[in-house]
């Protein structure tokens, strides 16, 4: 879960409800992990299922088809979120040479 939180740039209480009547030694309310009331928790489950489906049904197939010598880069929450709760919009660069290793531009 720490990896998920770090990938999204959040703390655990973003998805997990807190119990204001049960304060931990750090002075913060303890989390109610069994509580499914927060929409963010539901979204996390959907996104996890999506990621696992992509790993199983798409990334593996592309790697097999491409006969990649090394395994494909791992697909994680951080692949898209990069430390932000909402992924930032990708903007195609308009000028300058592509970075080393970048995919060639698609013809217009």
N, C-alpha and C. Protein backbone atom coordinates (compact mmCIF):
# COMPACT_ATOMS: atom_id res chain seq x y z
N UNK A 1 0.82 -1.20 0.00
CA UNK A 1 0.00 0.00 0.00
C UNK A 1 0.86 1.27 0.00
N UNK A 2 2.02 1.20 0.65
CA UNK A 2 2.90 2.37 0.64
C UNK A 2 3.33 2.71 -0.79
N UNK A 3 3.54 1.68 -1.61
CA UNK A 3 3.91 1.91 -3.01
C UNK A 3 2.76 2.59 -3.75
N UNK A 4 1.55 2.15 -3.50
CA UNK A 4 0.38 2.78 -4.14
C UNK A 4 0.31 4.25 -3.74
N UNK A 5 0.40 4.52 -2.45
CA UNK A 5 0.31 5.90 -1.96
C UNK A 5 1.41 6.76 -2.58
N UNK A 6 2.63 6.23 -2.62
CA UNK A 6 3.74 6.98 -3.21
C UNK A 6 3.54 7.23 -4.69
N UNK A 7 3.03 6.23 -5.39
CA UNK A 7 2.78 6.38 -6.83
C UNK A 7 1.76 7.46 -7.13
N UNK A 8 0.85 7.68 -6.18
CA UNK A 8 -0.22 8.66 -6.36
C UNK A 8 0.06 9.97 -5.63
N UNK A 9 1.14 10.02 -4.86
CA UNK A 9 1.46 11.23 -4.12
C UNK A 9 0.45 11.55 -3.03
N UNK A 10 -0.09 10.51 -2.38
CA UNK A 10 -1.11 10.71 -1.36
C UNK A 10 -0.73 9.95 -0.09
N UNK A 11 -1.56 10.07 0.92
CA UNK A 11 -1.43 9.28 2.14
C UNK A 11 -2.55 8.24 2.15
N UNK A 12 -2.41 7.26 3.01
CA UNK A 12 -3.37 6.16 3.06
C UNK A 12 -4.80 6.62 3.31
N UNK A 13 -4.96 7.74 4.04
CA UNK A 13 -6.32 8.20 4.34
C UNK A 13 -7.04 8.81 3.13
N UNK A 14 -6.36 8.86 2.00
CA UNK A 14 -7.04 9.28 0.78
C UNK A 14 -8.10 8.25 0.40
N UNK A 15 -7.77 6.97 0.54
CA UNK A 15 -8.70 5.89 0.19
C UNK A 15 -9.37 5.27 1.40
N UNK A 16 -8.66 5.21 2.52
CA UNK A 16 -9.18 4.55 3.71
C UNK A 16 -9.82 5.56 4.66
N UNK A 17 -11.01 5.23 5.13
CA UNK A 17 -11.72 6.06 6.11
C UNK A 17 -10.97 6.05 7.44
N UNK A 18 -11.13 7.11 8.19
CA UNK A 18 -10.49 7.20 9.51
C UNK A 18 -11.55 7.06 10.60
N UNK A 19 -11.08 6.68 11.78
CA UNK A 19 -11.95 6.55 12.94
C UNK A 19 -11.56 7.62 13.95
N UNK A 20 -12.28 8.74 13.99
CA UNK A 20 -11.91 9.83 14.89
C UNK A 20 -11.98 9.45 16.37
N UNK A 21 -12.66 8.35 16.69
CA UNK A 21 -12.76 7.90 18.07
C UNK A 21 -11.65 6.93 18.47
N UNK A 22 -10.76 6.64 17.55
CA UNK A 22 -9.66 5.70 17.81
C UNK A 22 -8.37 6.36 17.34
N UNK A 23 -7.73 7.09 18.23
CA UNK A 23 -6.53 7.85 17.89
C UNK A 23 -5.29 7.02 18.21
N UNK A 24 -4.35 7.00 17.27
CA UNK A 24 -3.12 6.25 17.45
C UNK A 24 -2.09 7.03 18.25
N UNK A 25 -0.93 6.41 18.51
CA UNK A 25 0.12 7.06 19.30
C UNK A 25 0.69 8.31 18.63
N UNK A 26 0.51 8.44 17.33
CA UNK A 26 1.00 9.63 16.62
C UNK A 26 0.01 10.79 16.69
N UNK A 27 -1.12 10.58 17.38
CA UNK A 27 -2.12 11.63 17.52
C UNK A 27 -3.12 11.69 16.38
N UNK A 28 -2.96 10.83 15.39
CA UNK A 28 -3.87 10.81 14.25
C UNK A 28 -4.90 9.69 14.40
N UNK A 29 -6.09 9.89 13.83
CA UNK A 29 -7.08 8.81 13.88
C UNK A 29 -6.57 7.59 13.13
N UNK A 30 -6.87 6.42 13.68
CA UNK A 30 -6.48 5.17 13.01
C UNK A 30 -7.38 4.96 11.79
N UNK A 31 -6.85 4.22 10.85
CA UNK A 31 -7.61 3.92 9.63
C UNK A 31 -8.54 2.74 9.85
N UNK A 32 -9.68 2.79 9.17
CA UNK A 32 -10.65 1.69 9.20
C UNK A 32 -10.54 0.96 7.86
N UNK A 33 -9.59 0.02 7.81
CA UNK A 33 -9.29 -0.66 6.55
C UNK A 33 -10.48 -1.43 6.00
N UNK A 34 -11.35 -1.94 6.87
CA UNK A 34 -12.49 -2.73 6.41
C UNK A 34 -13.62 -1.86 5.85
N UNK A 35 -13.56 -0.57 6.08
CA UNK A 35 -14.60 0.37 5.65
C UNK A 35 -14.45 0.65 4.15
N UNK A 36 -15.50 0.38 3.39
CA UNK A 36 -15.47 0.60 1.94
C UNK A 36 -16.29 1.81 1.52
N UNK A 37 -16.48 2.78 2.41
CA UNK A 37 -17.39 3.89 2.14
C UNK A 37 -16.81 4.98 1.24
N UNK A 38 -15.49 5.06 1.10
CA UNK A 38 -14.91 6.15 0.32
C UNK A 38 -14.87 5.81 -1.17
N UNK A 39 -15.35 6.71 -2.01
CA UNK A 39 -15.31 6.45 -3.46
C UNK A 39 -13.89 6.26 -3.97
N UNK A 40 -12.92 6.87 -3.33
CA UNK A 40 -11.53 6.73 -3.76
C UNK A 40 -11.05 5.28 -3.62
N UNK A 41 -11.55 4.58 -2.61
CA UNK A 41 -11.19 3.18 -2.43
C UNK A 41 -11.78 2.33 -3.55
N UNK A 42 -13.03 2.63 -3.91
CA UNK A 42 -13.66 1.92 -5.03
C UNK A 42 -12.89 2.18 -6.33
N UNK A 43 -12.48 3.43 -6.54
CA UNK A 43 -11.72 3.77 -7.74
C UNK A 43 -10.38 3.03 -7.75
N UNK A 44 -9.73 2.93 -6.60
CA UNK A 44 -8.45 2.22 -6.52
C UNK A 44 -8.62 0.76 -6.92
N UNK A 45 -9.70 0.15 -6.50
CA UNK A 45 -9.95 -1.24 -6.86
C UNK A 45 -10.18 -1.38 -8.37
N UNK A 46 -10.92 -0.45 -8.94
CA UNK A 46 -11.16 -0.49 -10.39
C UNK A 46 -9.84 -0.31 -11.14
N UNK A 47 -9.04 0.64 -10.71
CA UNK A 47 -7.77 0.91 -11.38
C UNK A 47 -6.81 -0.28 -11.24
N UNK A 48 -6.81 -0.92 -10.07
CA UNK A 48 -5.97 -2.11 -9.86
C UNK A 48 -6.40 -3.22 -10.83
N UNK A 49 -7.71 -3.45 -10.93
CA UNK A 49 -8.22 -4.48 -11.83
C UNK A 49 -7.85 -4.16 -13.28
N UNK A 50 -7.95 -2.89 -13.67
CA UNK A 50 -7.58 -2.47 -15.01
C UNK A 50 -6.10 -2.75 -15.28
N UNK A 51 -5.26 -2.40 -14.33
CA UNK A 51 -3.82 -2.59 -14.48
C UNK A 51 -3.48 -4.06 -14.61
N UNK A 52 -4.08 -4.90 -13.77
CA UNK A 52 -3.82 -6.34 -13.85
C UNK A 52 -4.29 -6.91 -15.18
N UNK A 53 -5.44 -6.43 -15.69
CA UNK A 53 -5.94 -6.87 -16.99
C UNK A 53 -4.97 -6.46 -18.10
N UNK A 54 -4.46 -5.25 -18.02
CA UNK A 54 -3.51 -4.79 -19.04
C UNK A 54 -2.23 -5.62 -19.01
N UNK A 55 -1.75 -5.94 -17.81
CA UNK A 55 -0.54 -6.77 -17.70
C UNK A 55 -0.77 -8.14 -18.34
N UNK A 56 -1.91 -8.75 -18.00
CA UNK A 56 -2.19 -10.11 -18.44
C UNK A 56 -2.54 -10.19 -19.92
N UNK A 57 -3.39 -9.27 -20.38
CA UNK A 57 -3.96 -9.40 -21.71
C UNK A 57 -3.33 -8.53 -22.78
N UNK A 58 -2.49 -7.60 -22.40
CA UNK A 58 -1.94 -6.72 -23.42
C UNK A 58 -0.42 -6.64 -23.38
N UNK A 59 0.14 -6.31 -22.25
CA UNK A 59 1.60 -6.15 -22.18
C UNK A 59 2.30 -7.46 -22.50
N UNK A 60 1.82 -8.56 -21.95
CA UNK A 60 2.44 -9.85 -22.23
C UNK A 60 2.33 -10.19 -23.72
N UNK A 61 1.18 -9.92 -24.32
CA UNK A 61 1.01 -10.21 -25.74
C UNK A 61 1.94 -9.37 -26.60
N UNK A 62 2.09 -8.10 -26.27
CA UNK A 62 2.99 -7.23 -27.03
C UNK A 62 4.43 -7.73 -26.87
N UNK A 63 4.82 -8.07 -25.65
CA UNK A 63 6.17 -8.56 -25.41
C UNK A 63 6.42 -9.85 -26.18
N UNK A 64 5.44 -10.75 -26.18
CA UNK A 64 5.59 -12.01 -26.92
C UNK A 64 5.68 -11.76 -28.42
N UNK A 65 4.83 -10.88 -28.94
CA UNK A 65 4.82 -10.59 -30.37
C UNK A 65 6.11 -9.91 -30.79
N UNK A 66 6.60 -9.02 -29.95
CA UNK A 66 7.81 -8.27 -30.25
C UNK A 66 9.07 -9.09 -30.01
N UNK A 67 8.90 -10.27 -29.39
CA UNK A 67 10.02 -11.15 -29.06
C UNK A 67 11.09 -10.38 -28.29
N UNK A 68 10.63 -9.63 -27.31
CA UNK A 68 11.53 -8.80 -26.52
C UNK A 68 12.54 -9.67 -25.77
N UNK A 69 13.81 -9.26 -25.84
CA UNK A 69 14.85 -10.00 -25.15
C UNK A 69 14.81 -9.75 -23.65
N UNK A 70 14.43 -8.55 -23.27
CA UNK A 70 14.31 -8.25 -21.85
C UNK A 70 12.84 -8.06 -21.52
N UNK A 71 12.46 -8.31 -20.27
CA UNK A 71 11.05 -8.15 -19.92
C UNK A 71 10.58 -6.71 -20.12
N UNK A 72 9.30 -6.59 -20.41
CA UNK A 72 8.71 -5.27 -20.58
C UNK A 72 8.80 -4.50 -19.26
N UNK A 73 8.85 -3.19 -19.35
CA UNK A 73 8.86 -2.36 -18.14
C UNK A 73 7.62 -2.67 -17.33
N UNK A 74 7.74 -2.67 -16.01
CA UNK A 74 6.57 -2.98 -15.19
C UNK A 74 5.49 -1.91 -15.33
N UNK A 75 4.27 -2.36 -15.28
CA UNK A 75 3.12 -1.44 -15.30
C UNK A 75 2.63 -1.30 -13.87
N UNK A 76 2.68 -0.10 -13.36
CA UNK A 76 2.25 0.18 -11.99
C UNK A 76 1.37 1.42 -11.98
N UNK A 77 0.85 1.76 -10.82
CA UNK A 77 0.08 3.00 -10.68
C UNK A 77 0.94 4.19 -11.12
N UNK A 78 2.22 4.13 -10.77
CA UNK A 78 3.14 5.23 -11.09
C UNK A 78 3.39 5.40 -12.57
N UNK A 79 3.13 4.38 -13.38
CA UNK A 79 3.34 4.50 -14.82
C UNK A 79 2.56 5.68 -15.38
N UNK A 80 1.34 5.85 -14.94
CA UNK A 80 0.50 6.95 -15.41
C UNK A 80 0.45 8.12 -14.42
N UNK A 81 0.35 7.80 -13.15
CA UNK A 81 0.13 8.85 -12.15
C UNK A 81 1.38 9.64 -11.83
N UNK A 82 2.54 9.00 -11.82
CA UNK A 82 3.83 9.68 -11.59
C UNK A 82 3.79 10.64 -10.40
N UNK A 83 3.23 10.12 -9.28
CA UNK A 83 3.22 10.90 -8.06
C UNK A 83 2.10 11.91 -7.92
N UNK A 84 1.10 11.83 -8.80
CA UNK A 84 -0.04 12.75 -8.75
C UNK A 84 -1.33 11.96 -8.64
N UNK A 85 -2.26 12.42 -7.82
CA UNK A 85 -3.53 11.73 -7.66
C UNK A 85 -4.25 11.60 -9.00
N UNK A 86 -4.28 12.69 -9.75
CA UNK A 86 -4.85 12.66 -11.10
C UNK A 86 -3.70 12.76 -12.10
N UNK A 87 -3.58 11.79 -13.00
CA UNK A 87 -2.48 11.85 -13.97
C UNK A 87 -2.50 13.17 -14.74
N UNK A 88 -1.32 13.71 -14.97
CA UNK A 88 -1.23 14.94 -15.74
C UNK A 88 -1.42 14.63 -17.23
N UNK A 89 -2.00 15.57 -17.93
CA UNK A 89 -2.22 15.40 -19.36
C UNK A 89 -0.88 15.34 -20.08
N UNK A 90 -0.76 14.39 -21.01
CA UNK A 90 0.44 14.30 -21.82
C UNK A 90 0.32 15.28 -22.98
N UNK A 91 1.32 16.10 -23.15
CA UNK A 91 1.35 17.07 -24.24
C UNK A 91 2.49 16.69 -25.17
N UNK A 92 2.16 16.48 -26.42
CA UNK A 92 3.17 16.10 -27.40
C UNK A 92 4.09 17.28 -27.66
N UNK A 93 5.40 17.08 -27.53
CA UNK A 93 6.32 18.18 -27.81
C UNK A 93 6.25 18.55 -29.29
N UNK A 94 6.32 19.84 -29.58
CA UNK A 94 6.19 20.30 -30.97
C UNK A 94 7.52 20.61 -31.63
N UNK A 95 8.53 20.89 -30.85
CA UNK A 95 9.81 21.28 -31.44
C UNK A 95 10.96 20.54 -30.78
N UNK A 96 12.08 20.55 -31.48
CA UNK A 96 13.29 19.97 -30.93
C UNK A 96 13.38 18.48 -31.23
N UNK A 97 14.59 17.96 -31.13
CA UNK A 97 14.77 16.53 -31.39
C UNK A 97 14.16 15.69 -30.27
N UNK A 98 13.73 14.50 -30.60
CA UNK A 98 13.17 13.63 -29.57
C UNK A 98 14.26 13.19 -28.60
N UNK A 99 13.89 12.91 -27.35
CA UNK A 99 14.88 12.43 -26.40
C UNK A 99 15.42 11.08 -26.83
N UNK A 100 16.61 10.75 -26.40
CA UNK A 100 17.23 9.48 -26.74
C UNK A 100 16.32 8.33 -26.34
N UNK A 101 16.13 7.39 -27.24
CA UNK A 101 15.30 6.23 -26.96
C UNK A 101 13.82 6.45 -27.17
N UNK A 102 13.41 7.65 -27.55
CA UNK A 102 11.99 7.94 -27.74
C UNK A 102 11.50 7.28 -29.01
N UNK A 103 10.20 7.00 -29.05
CA UNK A 103 9.61 6.41 -30.25
C UNK A 103 9.58 7.47 -31.36
N UNK A 104 9.75 7.06 -32.61
CA UNK A 104 9.68 8.04 -33.70
C UNK A 104 8.27 8.61 -33.81
N UNK A 105 8.20 9.82 -34.32
CA UNK A 105 6.92 10.51 -34.47
C UNK A 105 6.08 9.80 -35.52
N UNK A 106 4.77 9.81 -35.33
CA UNK A 106 3.85 9.24 -36.30
C UNK A 106 3.69 10.24 -37.45
N UNK A 107 3.61 9.74 -38.69
CA UNK A 107 3.39 10.67 -39.82
C UNK A 107 2.01 11.31 -39.71
N UNK A 108 1.90 12.54 -40.17
CA UNK A 108 0.62 13.27 -40.10
C UNK A 108 -0.24 12.96 -41.28
